[in-house]
Protein backbone atom coordinates (compact mmCIF):
# COMPACT_ATOMS: atom_id res chain seq x y z
CA MET A 1 0.00 0.00 0.00
CA THR A 2 1.34 3.42 -0.96
CA ALA A 3 0.51 6.22 1.48
CA ASP A 4 -0.59 9.71 0.49
CA LEU A 5 1.33 11.18 3.43
CA ILE A 6 4.08 10.03 5.77
CA ILE A 7 4.91 12.21 8.74
CA THR A 8 7.77 11.68 11.19
CA GLY A 9 8.53 13.19 14.56
CA LYS A 10 7.49 12.69 18.15
CA ILE A 11 3.93 11.40 17.81
CA LEU A 12 1.86 11.34 21.00
CA THR A 13 -0.72 8.72 20.06
CA GLY A 14 -2.99 9.36 23.05
CA THR A 15 -3.59 5.64 23.55
CA SER A 16 -4.13 4.21 27.02
CA ASN A 17 -0.46 3.17 27.33
CA GLN A 18 0.63 6.67 26.22
CA GLU A 19 2.61 5.21 23.34
CA ILE A 20 4.97 7.52 21.43
CA ALA A 21 5.48 6.68 17.77
CA GLN A 22 8.11 7.86 15.28
CA VAL A 23 6.16 7.78 12.03
CA MET A 24 2.57 7.81 10.81
CA ALA A 25 1.29 7.03 7.31
CA VAL A 26 -2.03 8.24 5.91
CA LYS A 27 -4.04 6.84 3.00
CA GLU A 28 -7.33 8.34 1.78
CA GLY A 29 -7.88 10.29 4.99
CA LYS A 30 -7.20 7.38 7.38
CA ILE A 31 -4.16 6.19 9.30
CA CYS A 32 -2.73 3.10 7.61
CA TYR A 33 0.46 2.76 9.69
CA ILE A 34 1.86 4.14 12.92
CA GLY A 35 5.00 2.99 14.68
CA ASP A 36 8.78 2.89 14.01
CA ILE A 37 10.48 4.39 10.97
CA LYS A 38 12.16 1.09 10.05
CA ASP A 39 8.81 -0.57 9.30
CA SER A 40 7.29 2.34 7.35
CA GLU A 41 9.26 2.19 4.08
CA TYR A 42 6.65 -0.15 2.62
CA TYR A 43 4.18 2.75 2.55
CA ARG A 44 6.41 5.21 0.65
CA GLY A 45 5.84 5.79 -3.04
CA PRO A 46 6.93 8.34 -5.64
CA ASP A 47 3.92 10.58 -4.93
CA THR A 48 3.93 10.25 -1.15
CA ARG A 49 4.20 13.57 0.63
CA LEU A 50 6.91 13.41 3.28
CA ILE A 51 6.85 15.68 6.33
CA ASP A 52 9.44 15.67 9.10
CA ILE A 53 8.81 17.43 12.40
CA SER A 54 12.21 17.90 13.97
CA ASN A 55 10.87 20.03 16.82
CA GLY A 56 7.55 19.97 18.60
CA CYS A 57 5.19 17.02 18.31
CA ILE A 58 2.13 15.54 16.64
CA ILE A 59 -1.00 14.89 18.69
CA PRO A 60 -4.57 13.70 18.00
CA GLY A 61 -7.08 16.33 16.92
CA ILE A 62 -8.49 18.31 19.86
CA PHE A 63 -12.14 18.29 20.97
CA GLU A 64 -14.08 21.32 22.16
CA GLY A 65 -16.62 19.90 24.61
CA HIS A 66 -19.03 22.85 24.87
CA ALA A 67 -19.10 26.01 22.75
CA HIS A 68 -21.71 28.17 21.04
CA PRO A 69 -20.70 28.93 17.45
CA THR A 70 -24.14 30.17 16.43
CA SER A 71 -24.19 32.54 19.42
CA GLY A 72 -21.35 34.49 17.81
CA VAL A 73 -23.66 36.67 15.71
CA PRO A 74 -23.62 39.61 18.20
CA ILE A 75 -19.80 39.53 18.18
CA PHE A 76 -19.06 39.09 14.50
CA GLN A 77 -21.92 41.29 13.31
CA GLY A 78 -22.26 43.66 16.24
CA ILE A 79 -20.27 45.33 19.03
CA ASN A 80 -17.47 43.27 20.54
CA LEU A 81 -17.17 44.30 24.20
CA TYR A 82 -14.89 41.47 25.27
CA GLU A 83 -11.57 42.16 26.99
CA LYS A 84 -12.46 45.79 27.77
CA GLU A 85 -11.34 46.90 31.20
CA SER A 86 -13.87 49.53 32.25
CA VAL A 87 -17.22 51.17 31.57
CA ALA A 88 -15.33 53.97 29.82
CA HIS A 89 -13.85 51.43 27.41
CA TYR A 90 -17.32 49.98 26.76
CA ARG A 91 -18.67 53.41 25.91
CA GLU A 92 -15.71 54.17 23.67
CA THR A 93 -16.23 50.90 21.81
CA ILE A 94 -19.95 51.60 21.38
CA ASP A 95 -19.22 55.12 20.10
CA ASP A 96 -16.70 53.81 17.59
CA TYR A 97 -19.18 51.24 16.31
CA ILE A 98 -21.97 53.80 15.84
CA GLN A 99 -19.59 56.09 13.95
CA THR A 100 -18.61 53.19 11.68
CA TYR A 101 -22.19 52.02 11.08
CA PRO A 102 -24.34 55.18 11.49
CA GLN A 103 -27.17 53.72 9.39
CA LYS A 104 -27.82 50.77 11.71
CA GLN A 105 -30.89 51.16 13.85
CA TYR A 106 -30.89 47.84 15.73
CA ILE A 107 -27.57 47.40 17.53
CA ILE A 108 -26.44 44.09 18.97
CA GLY A 109 -23.30 43.21 20.90
CA ARG A 110 -21.81 41.07 23.62
CA GLY A 111 -19.03 40.89 26.17
CA PHE A 112 -19.51 43.29 29.10
CA ILE A 113 -18.66 42.12 32.62
CA ASN A 114 -21.34 42.85 35.21
CA SER A 115 -18.97 43.74 38.03
CA HIS A 116 -17.44 46.62 36.05
CA PHE A 117 -20.67 48.56 36.66
CA GLY A 118 -20.78 48.24 40.45
CA GLN A 119 -23.46 46.75 42.67
CA MET A 120 -26.48 47.95 40.67
CA GLY A 121 -25.08 46.64 37.42
CA PRO A 122 -25.34 48.26 33.99
CA SER A 123 -27.92 50.92 33.17
CA ALA A 124 -29.45 52.17 29.91
CA GLU A 125 -28.97 55.81 30.92
CA TYR A 126 -25.89 56.46 28.73
CA LEU A 127 -27.42 54.76 25.68
CA ASP A 128 -30.74 56.58 26.04
CA LYS A 129 -29.16 60.02 26.35
CA LYS A 130 -26.59 59.71 23.57
CA TYR A 131 -28.41 57.49 21.07
CA PRO A 132 -32.17 57.90 21.63
CA ASP A 133 -32.95 56.72 18.08
CA LYS A 134 -30.98 53.46 18.34
CA PHE A 135 -32.30 50.17 19.71
CA PHE A 136 -29.64 48.38 21.77
CA TYR A 137 -29.39 44.76 22.84
CA LEU A 138 -26.03 44.00 24.49
CA GLU A 139 -25.34 40.66 26.20
CA SER A 140 -23.01 40.14 29.12
CA GLU A 141 -19.84 38.08 28.84
CA ASP A 142 -21.48 35.13 30.61
CA CYS A 143 -24.51 35.30 28.25
CA HIS A 144 -26.92 35.17 31.21
CA SER A 145 -27.96 38.82 31.21
CA CYS A 146 -28.35 41.73 28.81
CA LEU A 147 -28.50 45.51 28.73
CA VAL A 148 -31.17 47.08 26.54
CA SER A 149 -32.02 50.69 25.82
CA GLY A 150 -35.19 52.32 27.13
CA ASN A 151 -36.95 52.21 23.77
CA VAL A 152 -36.42 48.43 23.64
CA LEU A 153 -37.98 48.13 27.09
CA GLN A 154 -40.98 50.05 25.75
CA LEU A 155 -41.29 47.79 22.71
CA ALA A 156 -41.25 44.77 25.01
CA GLY A 157 -43.83 46.33 27.33
CA ILE A 158 -41.48 46.31 30.32
CA ASN A 159 -42.14 49.01 32.93
CA LYS A 160 -42.24 49.33 36.69
CA ASP A 161 -45.50 47.40 36.85
CA THR A 162 -44.41 44.53 34.61
CA LYS A 163 -44.47 41.11 36.20
CA GLU A 164 -41.31 39.10 35.67
CA TRP A 165 -41.46 36.01 33.51
CA GLU A 166 -40.78 32.74 35.28
CA ASN A 167 -37.00 32.25 35.63
CA GLY A 168 -36.42 35.86 34.60
CA VAL A 169 -35.21 38.96 36.46
CA ILE A 170 -35.95 42.62 35.68
CA VAL A 171 -33.47 44.77 37.59
CA ARG A 172 -35.18 47.91 38.90
CA GLU A 173 -34.18 51.20 40.49
CA GLU A 174 -34.53 50.96 44.26
CA LYS A 175 -36.65 54.09 44.77
CA SER A 176 -38.79 54.35 41.64
CA GLY A 177 -39.07 50.69 40.71
CA ASN A 178 -38.42 51.58 37.09
CA PRO A 179 -36.41 49.01 35.10
CA THR A 180 -32.77 49.97 34.63
CA GLY A 181 -32.37 48.14 31.33
CA TRP A 182 -30.49 45.21 32.87
CA LEU A 183 -32.36 41.93 32.37
CA LYS A 184 -31.39 38.42 33.43
CA GLU A 185 -32.06 34.87 32.25
CA LYS A 186 -35.56 34.33 30.80
CA GLU A 187 -36.24 38.07 30.48
CA MET A 188 -33.65 38.06 27.70
CA THR A 189 -36.04 35.89 25.70
CA ARG A 190 -38.78 38.49 26.04
CA ILE A 191 -36.49 40.93 24.23
CA LYS A 192 -35.30 38.49 21.60
CA ASN A 193 -38.89 37.75 20.68
CA ILE A 194 -39.27 41.32 19.39
CA TYR A 195 -35.77 41.77 17.94
CA PRO A 196 -34.91 41.00 14.30
CA ARG A 197 -33.76 37.37 14.08
CA ALA A 198 -30.55 36.27 12.43
CA THR A 199 -30.82 34.67 9.00
CA VAL A 200 -29.44 31.33 7.87
CA GLU A 201 -26.70 33.18 5.97
CA GLU A 202 -25.71 35.14 9.07
CA TYR A 203 -25.45 31.93 11.05
CA LYS A 204 -23.41 30.31 8.28
CA ASN A 205 -20.93 33.19 8.33
CA THR A 206 -20.64 32.96 12.10
CA ILE A 207 -20.08 29.18 12.06
CA LEU A 208 -17.33 29.60 9.46
CA LYS A 209 -15.59 32.26 11.56
CA PHE A 210 -15.75 29.99 14.61
CA GLN A 211 -14.39 27.15 12.49
CA GLU A 212 -11.48 29.28 11.27
CA MET A 213 -10.60 30.27 14.84
CA SER A 214 -10.85 26.66 16.00
CA ILE A 215 -8.56 25.37 13.26
CA ARG A 216 -5.91 27.89 14.31
CA ASN A 217 -6.22 26.53 17.85
CA GLY A 218 -5.86 22.86 16.94
CA ILE A 219 -9.52 21.91 17.33
CA THR A 220 -10.99 19.34 14.96
CA ALA A 221 -14.40 18.71 16.59
CA ALA A 222 -16.83 20.79 18.64
CA TYR A 223 -20.06 20.24 20.54
CA GLU A 224 -22.63 23.04 20.45
CA PRO A 225 -25.30 22.96 23.15
CA MET A 226 -27.47 25.20 21.01
CA VAL A 227 -29.15 27.99 22.95
CA ASP A 228 -32.67 28.54 21.63
CA ASP A 229 -33.74 31.58 23.62
CA ASP A 230 -34.91 33.30 20.43
CA GLY A 231 -36.94 30.41 19.00
CA ASN A 232 -34.61 30.28 16.02
CA PHE A 233 -32.91 26.90 16.34
CA GLU A 234 -34.23 25.63 13.01
CA ASN A 235 -32.33 28.41 11.17
CA LYS A 236 -29.21 27.49 13.12
CA ILE A 237 -29.52 23.81 12.24
CA GLU A 238 -30.20 24.68 8.61
CA ALA A 239 -27.01 26.78 8.54
CA TYR A 240 -24.94 23.79 9.65
CA TYR A 241 -26.74 21.48 7.24
CA GLN A 242 -26.18 23.75 4.25
CA LEU A 243 -22.49 24.17 5.06
CA ASP A 244 -22.10 20.40 5.33
CA ASN A 245 -23.82 19.86 1.98
CA GLU A 246 -21.54 22.51 0.47
CA ASP A 247 -18.47 20.62 1.84
CA ARG A 248 -17.47 23.68 3.85
CA LEU A 249 -17.37 22.02 7.28
CA ILE A 250 -13.86 20.94 8.17
CA LEU A 251 -14.66 20.26 11.80
CA ASP A 252 -16.96 17.57 13.13
CA PHE A 253 -19.90 19.31 14.81
CA ARG A 254 -22.23 17.65 17.30
CA ILE A 255 -25.28 19.53 18.56
CA GLY A 256 -27.75 19.52 21.43
CA ILE A 257 -30.83 21.76 21.21
CA THR A 258 -32.11 23.63 24.25
CA ILE A 259 -35.36 22.48 25.79
CA ASP A 260 -37.17 25.12 27.82
CA PRO A 261 -39.61 24.40 30.68
CA SER A 262 -42.39 26.08 28.69
CA ASP A 263 -41.83 23.75 25.73
CA GLY A 264 -43.15 20.66 27.47
CA THR A 265 -42.40 17.61 25.35
CA LYS A 266 -43.47 19.02 21.98
CA ASN A 267 -39.94 20.08 21.01
CA LEU A 268 -38.61 16.59 21.70
CA ILE A 269 -40.67 15.29 18.79
CA LYS A 270 -39.42 18.08 16.53
CA ILE A 271 -35.81 17.44 17.56
CA ALA A 272 -36.20 13.71 16.89
CA GLU A 273 -37.39 14.53 13.37
CA LEU A 274 -34.45 16.89 12.82
CA GLN A 275 -32.03 14.19 13.99
CA LYS A 276 -33.11 12.11 11.00
CA GLN A 277 -33.51 14.92 8.48
CA LYS A 278 -30.39 16.97 9.19
CA LYS A 279 -27.70 14.34 9.71
CA GLY A 280 -24.73 14.93 7.45
CA LYS A 281 -21.13 13.92 6.96
CA HIS A 282 -19.80 16.28 9.63
CA ILE A 283 -22.92 17.31 11.55
CA GLU A 284 -25.17 15.34 13.85
CA ILE A 285 -27.80 16.32 16.41
CA MET A 286 -27.04 14.23 19.50
CA GLY A 287 -29.94 15.32 21.68
CA ILE A 288 -30.91 18.13 24.02
CA LYS A 289 -29.46 20.82 26.27
CA ILE A 290 -31.12 21.82 29.55
CA PHE A 291 -30.47 24.78 31.87
CA VAL A 292 -31.29 23.82 35.45
CA ASP A 293 -30.04 27.11 36.90
CA GLY A 294 -28.24 30.32 35.96
CA VAL A 295 -24.99 31.79 37.26
CA VAL A 296 -23.58 32.82 40.63
CA GLU A 297 -22.82 36.38 39.46
CA GLY A 298 -26.51 36.89 38.72
CA HIS A 299 -27.73 35.25 41.95
CA THR A 300 -29.48 32.76 39.63
CA ALA A 301 -27.35 29.70 40.38
CA TYR A 302 -29.29 27.28 42.62
CA LEU A 303 -27.46 26.50 45.88
CA ARG A 304 -28.06 24.12 48.76
CA GLU A 305 -27.32 26.96 51.19
CA ASP A 306 -28.19 30.67 50.95
CA TYR A 307 -26.04 33.22 49.19
CA ALA A 308 -23.63 34.73 51.68
CA ASP A 309 -24.74 38.28 50.86
CA ALA A 310 -28.47 37.52 50.68
CA PRO A 311 -29.84 35.44 53.58
CA GLY A 312 -33.00 33.63 52.54
CA ASP A 313 -31.96 33.52 48.88
CA CYS A 314 -30.41 30.35 47.50
CA GLY A 315 -31.56 30.84 43.92
CA ARG A 316 -34.01 28.41 42.37
CA SER A 317 -34.29 25.70 39.80
CA MET A 318 -35.63 26.78 36.43
CA TRP A 319 -37.75 23.62 36.38
CA ASN A 320 -40.54 22.02 38.31
CA GLN A 321 -38.78 18.84 39.40
CA ASN A 322 -41.50 16.51 38.17
CA ILE A 323 -41.44 18.07 34.71
CA LEU A 324 -37.63 17.92 34.61
CA ASN A 325 -37.79 14.23 35.53
CA GLN A 326 -40.33 13.67 32.76
CA ILE A 327 -38.37 15.53 30.06
CA ILE A 328 -35.04 13.84 30.79
CA ALA A 329 -36.66 10.40 31.06
CA GLN A 330 -38.51 10.88 27.77
CA ALA A 331 -35.38 12.16 26.00
CA ILE A 332 -33.35 9.19 27.23
CA GLY A 333 -36.15 6.87 26.22
CA MET A 334 -35.79 8.34 22.71
CA ASP A 335 -32.01 7.66 22.84
CA MET A 336 -31.13 11.36 22.98
CA THR A 337 -27.98 12.53 24.73
CA VAL A 338 -28.83 14.97 27.53
CA HIS A 339 -26.38 17.83 28.22
CA VAL A 340 -27.18 19.78 31.41
CA HIS A 341 -26.03 23.19 32.66
CA VAL A 342 -25.53 23.14 36.44
CA MET A 343 -23.63 25.76 38.42
CA GLY A 344 -24.90 25.29 41.97
CA ASP A 345 -24.95 22.14 44.08
CA ALA A 346 -28.74 22.24 44.48
CA ALA A 347 -29.09 22.45 40.69
CA LEU A 348 -26.83 19.42 40.47
CA ASP A 349 -29.14 17.61 42.91
CA CYS A 350 -32.05 18.31 40.56
CA ALA A 351 -30.21 16.95 37.54
CA LEU A 352 -28.98 13.86 39.38
CA GLU A 353 -32.49 13.06 40.59
CA SER A 354 -33.79 13.25 37.01
CA PHE A 355 -31.08 10.94 35.71
CA GLU A 356 -31.85 8.50 38.53
CA VAL A 357 -35.52 8.53 37.58
CA ALA A 358 -34.67 7.96 33.92
CA ARG A 359 -32.44 5.01 34.82
CA SER A 360 -35.17 3.48 36.97
CA ILE A 361 -37.47 3.57 33.93
CA HIS A 362 -35.11 2.71 31.07
CA GLY A 363 -32.16 1.04 32.77
CA PRO A 364 -28.57 2.08 31.98
CA LYS A 365 -28.05 3.42 28.45
CA ASP A 366 -24.78 4.41 26.80
CA LEU A 367 -25.85 7.88 25.65
CA ARG A 368 -22.88 9.96 26.95
CA ASN A 369 -25.04 12.25 29.07
CA CYS A 370 -23.16 15.27 30.38
CA LEU A 371 -23.10 17.77 33.21
CA THR A 372 -21.29 21.02 32.53
CA HIS A 373 -19.84 23.99 34.46
CA LEU A 374 -20.11 22.29 37.91
CA GLN A 375 -19.02 25.26 39.99
CA ILE A 376 -20.15 23.94 43.38
CA VAL A 377 -20.06 20.15 43.87
CA GLN A 378 -20.42 18.23 47.14
CA THR A 379 -18.72 14.95 48.08
CA ASP A 380 -21.83 12.79 47.76
CA GLN A 381 -22.47 14.14 44.25
CA PHE A 382 -19.20 12.85 42.79
CA ILE A 383 -20.17 9.31 43.71
CA GLN A 384 -23.66 9.68 42.25
CA MET A 385 -22.25 11.10 39.00
CA LYS A 386 -19.93 8.10 38.70
CA ASN A 387 -22.72 5.62 39.35
CA LEU A 388 -24.83 7.25 36.64
CA ASN A 389 -21.94 7.26 34.12
CA LEU A 390 -22.24 11.02 33.63
CA ILE A 391 -19.50 12.98 31.87
CA ALA A 392 -18.05 16.08 33.55
CA VAL A 393 -17.60 18.81 30.91
CA THR A 394 -15.28 21.22 32.72
CA ASN A 395 -14.32 24.82 31.92
CA PRO A 396 -10.80 25.33 33.30
CA TYR A 397 -10.53 28.70 31.51
CA TRP A 398 -12.42 30.07 34.55
CA HIS A 399 -10.56 28.16 37.27
CA PHE A 400 -8.45 30.96 38.73
CA ARG A 401 -8.91 34.01 40.94
CA ASN A 402 -10.22 36.32 38.26
CA PRO A 403 -10.38 39.77 39.91
CA ALA A 404 -13.55 40.70 38.02
CA TYR A 405 -15.34 37.53 39.15
CA PHE A 406 -13.71 35.85 42.15
CA GLU A 407 -12.97 38.96 44.21
CA LYS A 408 -16.00 41.08 43.28
CA LEU A 409 -18.70 38.44 42.82
CA GLU A 410 -17.94 34.83 43.75
CA SER A 411 -16.30 35.34 47.12
CA PRO A 412 -18.88 37.90 48.36
CA TYR A 413 -21.84 35.94 46.99
CA LEU A 414 -20.74 32.41 47.93
CA GLY A 415 -18.72 33.15 51.04
CA ASP A 416 -15.07 32.25 51.44
CA ILE A 417 -15.47 28.49 52.02
CA ARG A 418 -17.57 27.79 48.94
CA ALA A 419 -15.58 30.17 46.76
CA GLU A 420 -12.27 28.65 47.81
CA ASN A 421 -13.54 25.17 46.94
CA GLU A 422 -15.25 25.92 43.65
CA TYR A 423 -14.66 24.31 40.26
CA PRO A 424 -13.36 20.82 41.08
CA VAL A 425 -11.58 18.80 38.38
CA LYS A 426 -9.12 16.41 40.01
CA GLU A 427 -11.81 14.75 42.08
CA PHE A 428 -13.69 13.83 38.91
CA PHE A 429 -10.59 12.02 37.67
CA SER A 430 -10.09 10.43 41.09
CA GLN A 431 -13.64 9.04 40.95
CA ASN A 432 -13.01 7.67 37.41
CA ILE A 433 -15.56 10.06 35.94
CA VAL A 434 -14.90 10.88 32.29
CA VAL A 435 -13.70 14.48 32.10
CA THR A 436 -13.65 16.68 29.00
CA GLN A 437 -12.54 20.28 28.49
CA ALA A 438 -14.64 23.12 27.10
CA SER A 439 -14.21 26.84 26.59
CA ASP A 440 -17.93 27.68 26.50
CA TRP A 441 -17.00 30.14 23.75
CA PRO A 442 -17.91 33.00 23.54
CA VAL A 443 -18.16 33.11 27.35
CA SER A 444 -14.42 32.44 27.20
CA PHE A 445 -13.43 34.68 24.34
CA SER A 446 -10.60 32.39 23.25
CA ASN A 447 -11.09 28.68 22.71
CA ASN A 448 -7.33 28.02 22.68
CA PRO A 449 -7.23 24.64 24.46
CA PHE A 450 -3.73 25.19 25.80
CA ILE A 451 -4.94 28.16 27.83
CA GLY A 452 -7.43 25.80 29.47
CA MET A 453 -4.80 23.12 29.94
CA GLU A 454 -2.36 25.47 31.65
CA ILE A 455 -4.98 26.87 34.03
CA ALA A 456 -6.19 23.35 34.87
CA VAL A 457 -2.64 22.42 35.83
CA THR A 458 -1.67 25.63 37.68
CA ARG A 459 -5.08 27.01 38.82
CA LYS A 460 -3.62 30.47 38.08
CA GLU A 461 -4.33 33.17 35.54
CA ILE A 462 -2.07 32.97 32.48
CA GLY A 463 1.05 35.04 33.09
CA SER A 464 0.35 35.54 36.82
CA LEU A 465 3.02 33.37 38.39
CA ASP A 466 2.66 35.02 41.81
CA MET A 467 -1.12 34.61 41.94
CA LYS A 468 -2.47 32.39 44.69
CA PRO A 469 -3.93 29.25 43.07
CA LEU A 470 -7.68 28.73 43.22
CA ASN A 471 -8.58 25.50 45.05
CA GLN A 472 -5.13 24.06 44.37
CA LYS A 473 -6.08 20.56 45.54
CA GLU A 474 -8.13 20.31 42.33
CA ALA A 475 -5.14 20.98 40.04
CA VAL A 476 -4.60 18.12 37.61
CA SER A 477 -1.72 16.70 35.61
CA ARG A 478 -1.09 17.72 32.03
CA GLN A 479 -1.51 14.06 31.04
CA ASP A 480 -5.03 14.08 32.48
CA MET A 481 -5.92 17.22 30.53
CA PHE A 482 -4.35 15.83 27.36
CA GLN A 483 -6.72 12.89 27.71
CA ALA A 484 -9.63 15.24 28.38
CA LEU A 485 -8.89 17.13 25.16
CA THR A 486 -8.45 14.09 22.94
CA ALA A 487 -9.66 10.57 23.82
CA ASN A 488 -12.26 11.75 26.35
CA GLY A 489 -13.54 14.39 23.96
CA ALA A 490 -14.04 11.76 21.29
CA TYR A 491 -15.88 9.59 23.82
CA GLN A 492 -18.23 12.46 24.74
CA MET A 493 -19.20 12.86 21.09
CA LYS A 494 -19.46 9.09 20.41
CA LEU A 495 -16.51 9.29 18.03
CA GLU A 496 -13.97 7.17 19.93
CA LYS A 497 -14.00 4.46 17.22
CA GLU A 498 -12.95 7.02 14.62
CA LEU A 499 -11.01 9.70 16.50
CA GLY A 500 -9.40 10.72 19.80
CA THR A 501 -6.24 8.62 19.45
CA LEU A 502 -3.82 8.02 16.59
CA GLU A 503 -4.26 4.38 15.61
CA VAL A 504 -4.46 2.38 12.40
CA GLY A 505 -7.92 2.57 10.83
CA LYS A 506 -8.92 5.82 12.48
CA ARG A 507 -9.45 9.06 10.60
CA ALA A 508 -6.29 11.12 10.17
CA ASN A 509 -7.29 14.09 12.29
CA PHE A 510 -4.14 15.33 13.99
CA VAL A 511 -2.37 18.50 15.02
CA ILE A 512 1.26 19.61 14.78
CA LEU A 513 2.54 21.70 17.71
CA ASP A 514 5.72 23.75 17.89
CA GLN A 515 6.38 22.42 21.43
CA ASN A 516 5.53 19.30 23.40
CA PRO A 517 3.01 20.09 26.18
CA MET A 518 4.35 17.17 28.23
CA GLU A 519 7.86 18.63 28.33
CA LEU A 520 7.26 22.36 28.89
CA ILE A 521 7.25 23.95 32.31
CA GLU A 522 3.67 24.42 33.47
CA SER A 523 3.61 28.20 33.03
CA GLU A 524 4.60 27.91 29.35
CA ILE A 525 1.83 25.58 28.15
CA ALA A 526 -0.43 28.40 26.92
CA LYS A 527 2.36 29.63 24.61
CA ILE A 528 2.19 26.51 22.44
CA LYS A 529 1.54 27.31 18.79
CA VAL A 530 -0.41 25.12 16.38
CA ILE A 531 1.52 24.91 13.10
CA GLY A 532 -0.58 22.25 11.36
CA ASN A 533 -4.15 21.04 11.67
CA PHE A 534 -4.97 17.97 9.59
CA PHE A 535 -8.57 16.94 9.04
CA GLU A 536 -8.91 13.57 7.32
CA GLY A 537 -5.32 13.85 6.12
CA ILE A 538 -5.55 17.38 4.71
CA ASP A 539 -3.79 20.31 6.39
CA TYR A 540 -6.21 23.23 6.66
CA LEU A 541 -3.77 25.48 8.50
CA GLY A 542 -0.65 25.24 6.37
CA ALA A 543 2.00 23.61 8.50
CA ASP A 544 5.27 25.50 8.76
CA VAL A 545 7.30 22.32 8.40
CA ARG A 546 9.96 21.13 6.01
CA THR A 547 9.75 18.28 3.57
CA ARG A 548 12.73 15.98 3.07
CA SER A 549 13.59 12.36 2.47
CA ILE A 550 13.39 10.35 5.68
CA PHE A 551 14.60 7.03 4.29
């Protein structure tokens, strides 16, 4: 057999015995040989492309366990407020955007951090005074709240007498009771229902931009728990499906569609139909996504014990427990993978109860059900997660003492003990729970997996060597995180027979790095550069490597 490609170097296969190979041969997009150089000459022919990696290493393609490509529309087609350091910077960015696009009437954007505005949060006052003829919808960095202008509040019928939707929060001025323009959770949906919806073409453009970014970062597959707070998930699915039919997807995408408490079971039937209709070469709908609670910074995470700064308030579940039990059991009965957002420990209790109920009805099923975020987890919950074969989709990008979050929000809201013990990872590995890594992009504005890996290992902000680690007992080894990014990621997406490790017969999805993450000092991991990203044997990045005879 003559190979299309032979590549030599230090090849980290990612197999269970952590085997390191010297050469890999690829034929028609699949690995046909991997091992020692001496046994690979059989695969060389006159047209075989030869690549030698004298420095760095080759690793399996990386998996992004939880990101929101279709939620990038406000960033790529609106105001990007990420990585701005103050309210003044937000206003400057907004002003620049309006000057660039003066004709736009409906303005969207994303990326502000709540704590930059102080205790009362953001207000529409600046927008209303300076741009009274513009309609603003700006989402927070965590995507769990938004700031809208006063005219948008009027269009939505929100005033001081408006009753909040279930699972929603309208922030109001203390004295007058008038809404400030800051809305949380389900109230965001009220606004999106009146705002112009993105088109299929806009979603396609956003997916392609996410894909381009991911390729640069070494990612070859991504799971989107598709947020459907605007009732537009069919356009989002259609965008993926069209791109796949046009052969423009060069990542494997797996999708879960959000089920809302108000949907009942009707959307499960629709999703089941879409699973059959919209399955393509590189896209598949795995099942559903469920939000059980919100976020700590919004006081919407559901906790076993009260918030430290608000006695009597522990948040609440977004679901009636009986309905949650019914939805998850029905989804599992339909062989759908269930992917659940849980921040607080009480929210985790709710999810675990529902999975227990589903198991009592259907028995154990190998569906790769997931719990994600997992900010506050108690000892008894690790054991229950293991017994239910649930996957922990972790977000190590957040696992450090971020001044804008830990100091201003998490520590005051949770109290020191809970804050100091938040975001476990090592204990999941210790309990033999499958762990994957996720950026939750665009909540984390970069989906560079080596940023996540370094923080998981150090529990410190990138570049802050003197920072006190966050919950250091939960720091993990780089080998554990390598597994989370590769083999475990493939397992989460039911692709372990095709991907996740470099073995004969598997698809040739692999990445070339300029440095070996297993050999660098911990504080240098995030500096790793991806110089080649091969998807089914084709390099879509353009590896900066040299070609020479290796025989």
